[in-house]
Protein backbone atom coordinates (compact mmCIF):
# COMPACT_ATOMS: atom_id res chain seq x y z
CA MET A 1 98.96 122.04 91.67
CA VAL A 2 99.31 120.39 94.93
CA ARG A 3 99.36 123.60 96.91
CA ALA A 4 95.79 124.61 95.04
CA ASN A 5 94.51 120.78 95.55
CA GLY A 6 95.97 119.73 98.54
CA ALA A 7 96.54 116.41 95.99
CA VAL A 8 97.21 115.46 93.25
CA SER A 9 97.18 112.11 90.80
CA LEU A 10 100.46 110.89 88.83
CA ARG A 11 97.77 110.62 85.83
CA GLU A 12 97.11 114.08 86.21
CA LEU A 13 100.49 115.77 86.64
CA ALA A 14 101.67 113.16 84.01
CA ARG A 15 98.95 114.83 81.52
CA VAL A 16 99.81 118.83 83.07
CA VAL A 17 103.47 118.52 82.16
CA GLN A 18 103.07 116.61 79.08
CA THR A 19 105.22 114.18 80.37
CA SER A 20 105.60 109.58 81.80
CA GLU A 21 104.36 108.94 85.10
CA VAL A 22 107.71 107.70 85.72
CA THR A 23 109.04 110.88 85.03
CA VAL A 24 107.06 112.74 87.45
CA ARG A 25 107.33 109.73 89.79
CA ARG A 26 110.68 110.59 89.81
CA ASP A 27 110.32 113.84 90.30
CA VAL A 28 108.01 113.84 93.08
CA ARG A 29 110.51 111.45 94.70
CA ALA A 30 112.89 114.64 94.79
CA LEU A 31 110.13 116.72 95.89
CA GLU A 32 109.68 114.80 98.61
CA ALA A 33 112.96 114.34 99.90
CA GLU A 34 113.40 118.27 99.76
CA GLY A 35 109.81 118.34 102.35
CA LEU A 36 107.82 120.24 99.88
CA LEU A 37 104.98 117.24 99.97
CA ASP A 38 104.08 113.55 100.73
CA ARG A 39 103.78 110.32 98.46
CA ARG A 40 100.69 108.22 98.17
CA HIS A 41 99.53 105.51 96.69
CA GLY A 42 99.17 107.15 93.07
CA GLY A 43 99.48 110.82 94.45
CA ALA A 44 100.76 113.39 96.13
CA VAL A 45 100.08 115.24 99.26
CA LEU A 46 100.12 118.09 101.21
CA PRO A 47 102.92 116.82 103.61
CA GLY A 48 102.39 116.84 107.56
CA GLY A 49 100.33 113.62 108.47
CA PHE A 50 96.68 113.43 107.80
CA THR A 51 95.36 115.14 104.70
CA ARG A 52 93.42 118.03 104.13
CA GLU A 53 89.97 117.78 102.33
CA SER A 54 90.46 119.76 98.56
CA GLY A 55 87.13 121.78 97.28
CA PHE A 56 83.99 120.78 95.21
CA PRO A 57 86.18 122.97 92.77
CA GLN A 58 89.39 121.28 92.75
CA LYS A 59 87.89 117.47 93.98
CA SER A 60 86.16 117.25 90.52
CA HIS A 61 89.43 117.93 88.19
CA LEU A 62 90.89 115.21 89.76
CA ALA A 63 90.79 111.82 88.64
CA THR A 64 87.75 112.18 86.49
CA ALA A 65 88.91 109.26 84.40
CA GLU A 66 88.90 107.12 86.81
CA LYS A 67 85.74 108.40 88.75
CA THR A 68 83.76 107.73 85.65
CA ALA A 69 84.65 104.20 84.60
CA ILE A 70 83.83 103.55 88.89
CA ALA A 71 80.15 105.23 88.34
CA ASP A 72 79.52 103.14 85.22
CA VAL A 73 80.54 99.82 86.70
CA ALA A 74 78.69 101.16 90.49
CA ALA A 75 75.91 101.68 88.04
CA GLY A 76 75.46 98.22 86.96
CA LEU A 77 74.90 97.51 90.74
CA VAL A 78 72.07 99.49 90.70
CA GLU A 79 68.64 97.21 90.46
CA GLU A 80 65.17 98.48 88.79
CA GLY A 81 62.11 99.99 91.99
CA GLU A 82 65.39 99.86 94.54
CA ALA A 83 66.26 101.62 97.41
CA ILE A 84 69.30 103.22 98.12
CA VAL A 85 71.13 106.29 99.95
CA VAL A 86 74.16 107.81 97.96
CA GLY A 87 76.80 110.01 100.00
CA ALA A 88 78.06 113.86 98.71
CA GLY A 89 81.16 113.45 96.84
CA THR A 90 82.42 113.34 92.87
CA THR A 91 83.04 109.80 92.75
CA THR A 92 78.85 110.15 93.36
CA GLN A 93 78.16 112.23 91.91
CA GLU A 94 78.75 110.83 88.83
CA LEU A 95 76.70 107.88 89.66
CA ALA A 96 73.86 110.20 90.33
CA ARG A 97 74.26 110.82 86.56
CA ARG A 98 73.70 107.28 85.33
CA LEU A 99 71.19 105.80 87.81
CA ALA A 100 68.66 108.37 85.79
CA ARG A 101 67.92 105.40 83.62
CA VAL A 102 67.16 103.65 86.33
CA PRO A 103 62.65 102.50 86.58
CA GLY A 104 61.34 102.75 89.70
CA LEU A 105 64.48 104.44 91.80
CA THR A 106 64.42 105.85 95.13
CA VAL A 107 67.11 107.71 95.84
CA VAL A 108 68.06 109.10 99.20
CA THR A 109 70.69 111.59 99.17
CA ASN A 110 72.09 114.89 101.61
CA SER A 111 74.03 115.77 98.19
CA LEU A 112 72.60 119.12 96.06
CA LEU A 113 75.01 117.25 93.57
CA VAL A 114 73.80 114.03 93.17
CA ALA A 115 70.14 115.81 93.77
CA GLN A 116 70.60 117.77 90.45
CA ALA A 117 71.72 115.19 88.75
CA LEU A 118 68.91 113.25 89.08
CA ALA A 119 66.06 116.50 88.95
CA HIS A 120 64.78 115.46 85.56
CA ALA A 121 64.95 112.31 85.98
CA ASN A 122 60.69 111.10 85.66
CA ARG A 123 60.89 107.28 87.24
CA VAL A 124 63.39 108.53 89.50
CA GLU A 125 62.19 109.46 93.31
CA VAL A 126 64.46 112.19 94.99
CA VAL A 127 64.10 111.93 99.04
CA MET A 128 66.63 114.79 100.00
CA THR A 129 67.86 114.47 103.90
CA GLY A 130 67.28 118.22 106.32
CA GLY A 131 70.88 119.49 107.70
CA THR A 132 72.70 122.34 107.06
CA LEU A 133 74.50 123.64 103.81
CA ARG A 134 78.18 122.90 103.40
CA GLY A 135 79.21 125.00 100.47
CA SER A 136 82.58 123.21 99.98
CA ASN A 137 80.76 120.18 98.33
CA TYR A 138 76.97 121.22 98.40
CA ALA A 139 75.90 118.78 101.14
CA LEU A 140 73.55 119.07 103.79
CA VAL A 141 74.75 118.12 106.97
CA GLY A 142 74.37 118.93 111.38
CA SER A 143 71.77 117.12 113.54
CA GLY A 144 69.10 117.90 111.05
CA ALA A 145 70.53 115.45 108.29
CA GLU A 146 71.53 113.14 110.31
CA GLN A 147 67.91 112.95 112.23
CA SER A 148 66.30 112.85 108.72
CA LEU A 149 67.82 109.41 108.92
CA GLN A 150 66.71 108.01 111.44
CA GLY A 151 64.17 105.25 110.60
CA LEU A 152 65.15 104.75 107.56
CA ARG A 153 66.01 101.20 105.81
CA VAL A 154 67.52 100.57 102.08
CA SER A 155 69.36 98.00 100.58
CA ARG A 156 72.56 100.03 99.55
CA ALA A 157 74.19 103.20 100.68
CA PHE A 158 77.36 103.87 97.91
CA LEU A 159 79.28 106.23 99.59
CA SER A 160 82.90 108.02 98.75
CA GLY A 161 85.74 109.78 101.00
CA SER A 162 88.86 111.55 101.23
CA GLY A 163 91.36 108.57 102.34
CA LEU A 164 90.86 104.28 102.63
CA THR A 165 92.85 102.14 104.15
CA ALA A 166 92.73 98.06 105.45
CA GLU A 167 93.09 99.25 108.89
CA ARG A 168 90.44 102.02 109.24
CA GLY A 169 88.34 101.77 106.08
CA LEU A 170 87.37 105.21 104.79
CA SER A 171 87.38 108.08 105.89
CA THR A 172 87.41 111.98 105.39
CA SER A 173 88.73 115.27 106.72
CA ASN A 174 85.54 117.03 108.03
CA MET A 175 84.46 115.71 111.40
CA LEU A 176 80.29 116.71 110.25
CA SER A 177 80.60 115.38 107.10
CA ALA A 178 81.80 111.95 108.60
CA SER A 179 78.97 112.29 110.81
CA VAL A 180 75.96 111.74 108.41
CA ASP A 181 78.28 109.01 106.55
CA ARG A 182 77.84 107.83 109.24
CA ALA A 183 73.90 107.66 109.60
CA LEU A 184 73.65 106.51 105.69
CA VAL A 185 75.96 103.45 107.00
CA GLN A 186 73.46 102.62 109.26
CA ALA A 187 70.46 102.93 107.20
CA ALA A 188 71.80 100.54 104.61
CA ALA A 189 72.08 96.91 104.43
CA GLU A 190 74.85 96.63 102.23
CA VAL A 191 77.76 99.57 101.83
CA VAL A 192 79.08 100.15 99.07
CA VAL A 193 82.21 101.90 98.50
CA LEU A 194 83.62 104.10 95.42
CA ALA A 195 87.05 104.87 95.29
CA ASP A 196 89.83 105.82 93.16
CA HIS A 197 93.26 104.66 93.28
CA THR A 198 94.45 107.65 94.63
CA LYS A 199 92.51 107.60 97.60
CA LEU A 200 93.83 103.86 98.31
CA GLY A 201 96.42 103.86 101.03
CA THR A 202 95.42 107.72 102.48
CA ASP A 203 94.26 108.46 105.85
CA THR A 204 92.55 110.95 107.40
CA MET A 205 90.49 112.59 110.27
CA PHE A 206 87.28 110.87 110.90
CA GLN A 207 86.24 107.27 110.18
CA THR A 208 82.85 106.71 107.58
CA VAL A 209 83.29 103.24 107.13
CA PRO A 210 85.14 101.33 109.07
CA THR A 211 86.30 97.91 107.12
CA ASP A 212 84.05 95.38 108.64
CA VAL A 213 80.96 96.93 107.72
CA MET A 214 82.42 97.28 104.11
CA THR A 215 80.41 95.30 101.42
CA ARG A 216 82.47 95.97 98.67
CA LEU A 217 84.91 98.69 97.20
CA VAL A 218 84.45 99.82 93.47
CA THR A 219 87.96 101.42 92.70
CA ASP A 220 89.96 101.49 89.05
CA GLU A 221 92.70 99.53 88.70
CA PRO A 222 95.99 100.73 90.17
CA PRO A 223 99.01 101.56 88.24
CA PRO A 224 101.19 98.41 87.18
CA HIS A 225 104.07 100.08 89.27
CA ASP A 226 101.21 101.08 92.16
CA GLU A 227 102.26 97.92 94.67
CA ARG A 228 101.34 99.77 97.77
CA ALA A 229 97.94 99.79 95.93
CA GLY A 230 97.43 96.11 95.31
CA THR A 231 99.07 95.47 98.62
CA GLU A 232 95.82 97.52 100.21
CA LEU A 233 93.59 96.16 97.77
CA GLN A 234 94.67 92.94 99.20
CA ALA A 235 94.44 93.39 102.66
CA LEU A 236 91.17 94.02 102.39
CA ALA A 237 90.08 91.10 100.60
CA ASP A 238 91.62 89.86 103.53
CA GLN A 239 89.07 90.91 105.42
CA GLY A 240 85.99 90.41 103.62
CA VAL A 241 85.44 93.35 101.00
CA GLN A 242 84.06 92.64 97.71
CA ILE A 243 86.55 93.97 95.44
CA THR A 244 85.49 94.98 92.07
CA VAL A 245 87.59 97.25 90.29
CA ALA A 246 86.49 99.03 87.08
CA GLY A 247 89.52 98.45 84.89
CA ALA A 248 87.74 101.11 82.06
CA ALA A 249 89.51 103.65 83.71
CA ALA A 250 92.61 103.84 82.22
CA SER A 251 92.31 101.14 79.09
CA GLY A 252 89.41 102.49 77.59
CA GLY A 253 87.76 98.98 77.59
CA GLY A 254 84.31 97.53 77.87
CA GLU A 255 84.97 96.79 81.25
CA GLY A 256 82.46 98.21 83.84
CA MET A 257 79.90 99.93 80.12
CA GLN A 258 76.87 101.35 81.94
CA GLY A 259 73.59 98.39 83.01
CA ARG A 260 76.32 95.48 82.99
CA ARG A 261 76.87 94.05 85.48
CA PRO A 262 81.39 94.00 86.11
CA ARG A 263 83.33 92.31 84.21
CA ARG A 264 85.68 91.01 87.00
CA ASP A 265 84.18 90.25 90.67
CA SER A 266 87.33 88.82 92.68
CA PRO A 267 87.48 88.44 96.08
CA LEU A 268 91.50 89.32 94.97
CA PRO A 269 92.64 92.10 93.24
CA VAL A 270 94.61 90.25 90.34
CA GLN A 271 96.44 92.85 88.39
CA ARG A 272 95.93 92.82 84.60
CA ARG A 273 99.85 92.08 82.30
CA GLY A 274 98.19 91.27 79.00
CA GLY A 275 94.29 92.14 78.97
CA PRO A 276 91.27 90.72 80.94
CA THR A 277 91.65 86.73 80.55
CA ALA A 278 89.71 85.04 77.75
CA GLN A 279 87.14 83.42 78.75
CA LEU A 280 87.55 79.62 77.29
CA ARG A 281 84.58 77.34 76.32
CA SER A 282 84.23 73.40 75.61
CA ALA A 283 82.89 73.38 72.18
CA PRO A 284 79.50 70.39 72.18
CA ALA A 285 80.43 67.21 71.30
CA GLY A 286 78.83 67.13 68.01
CA LEU A 287 80.39 70.31 66.73
CA LEU A 288 84.04 68.47 66.87
CA GLU A 289 83.17 65.40 64.78
CA GLN A 290 81.07 67.64 62.14
CA GLN A 291 84.76 69.56 61.79
CA ALA A 292 87.00 65.86 62.08
CA GLY A 293 85.10 64.07 59.57
CA GLU A 294 85.55 68.05 56.97
CA ARG A 295 88.80 68.58 57.47
CA ALA A 296 89.37 64.07 56.97
CA ARG A 297 87.38 64.37 53.15
CA VAL A 298 89.70 67.52 52.82
CA ALA A 299 92.80 65.54 53.90
CA ASP A 300 91.35 62.62 51.28
CA MET A 301 90.51 65.18 47.94
CA ARG A 302 93.82 66.26 48.74
CA ARG A 303 96.00 63.12 48.39
CA ARG A 304 93.58 62.34 45.31
């Protein structure tokens, strides 16, 4: 699977071989010792430094539940009547499918997949860049795409990539794609990065969004054993990146449901162990007095 896809998550491996992530992690560690692959946060990649880019067919089957949860949360950040840019990628494609319900929205994109997802959205205006089609990810790249973005200004950019580290920010494996992504960043007042936990700590050749330019990261919750991913999230938060975690990716819970604001938007990536933290609210004083009076009357009746 790693040879075919370039990268694979531990969750996906465990699902395919029908075993636990603990067993898969042990096997991956043994394969790494033999030089057959390199371990990454929550997954494995082909050996040899920077990871290579997988094609769209392979990417579309990786971390699908995580991408869905991330897209749900990211869609809740978009306001009616807003103008945004959306980059190419399988996660941004999932986001586009949810943006079709946002009225008065203008979406500028270089992705044919994003445009296709919004093609029948009557209340959404889609503006495509020029450029040359890159078939591996159905994106328009090159000088034509970059020049069409000159002079553009929107409120937010939503981008994904091949890797994300606190040291270099978001990166990708293709030079042409990276150039267009940088142009998309320049057009936006805020930059929102969409990256599942398997990309945390992965570094690829071409930087697209430096850490100090990132406004927010929307990601899924790393597995409890993935301490390195938690460390990477903490490092990003220490540099001022807002971390929003989509808790529905693995648990199927209610965080990040479509149309809602993210329920957790913390500068620190706190890991849940016993489920979402309950919100404690104080009861009105009058209600407390009424309940106390009822308890006293019941006790008096019992004594009689």
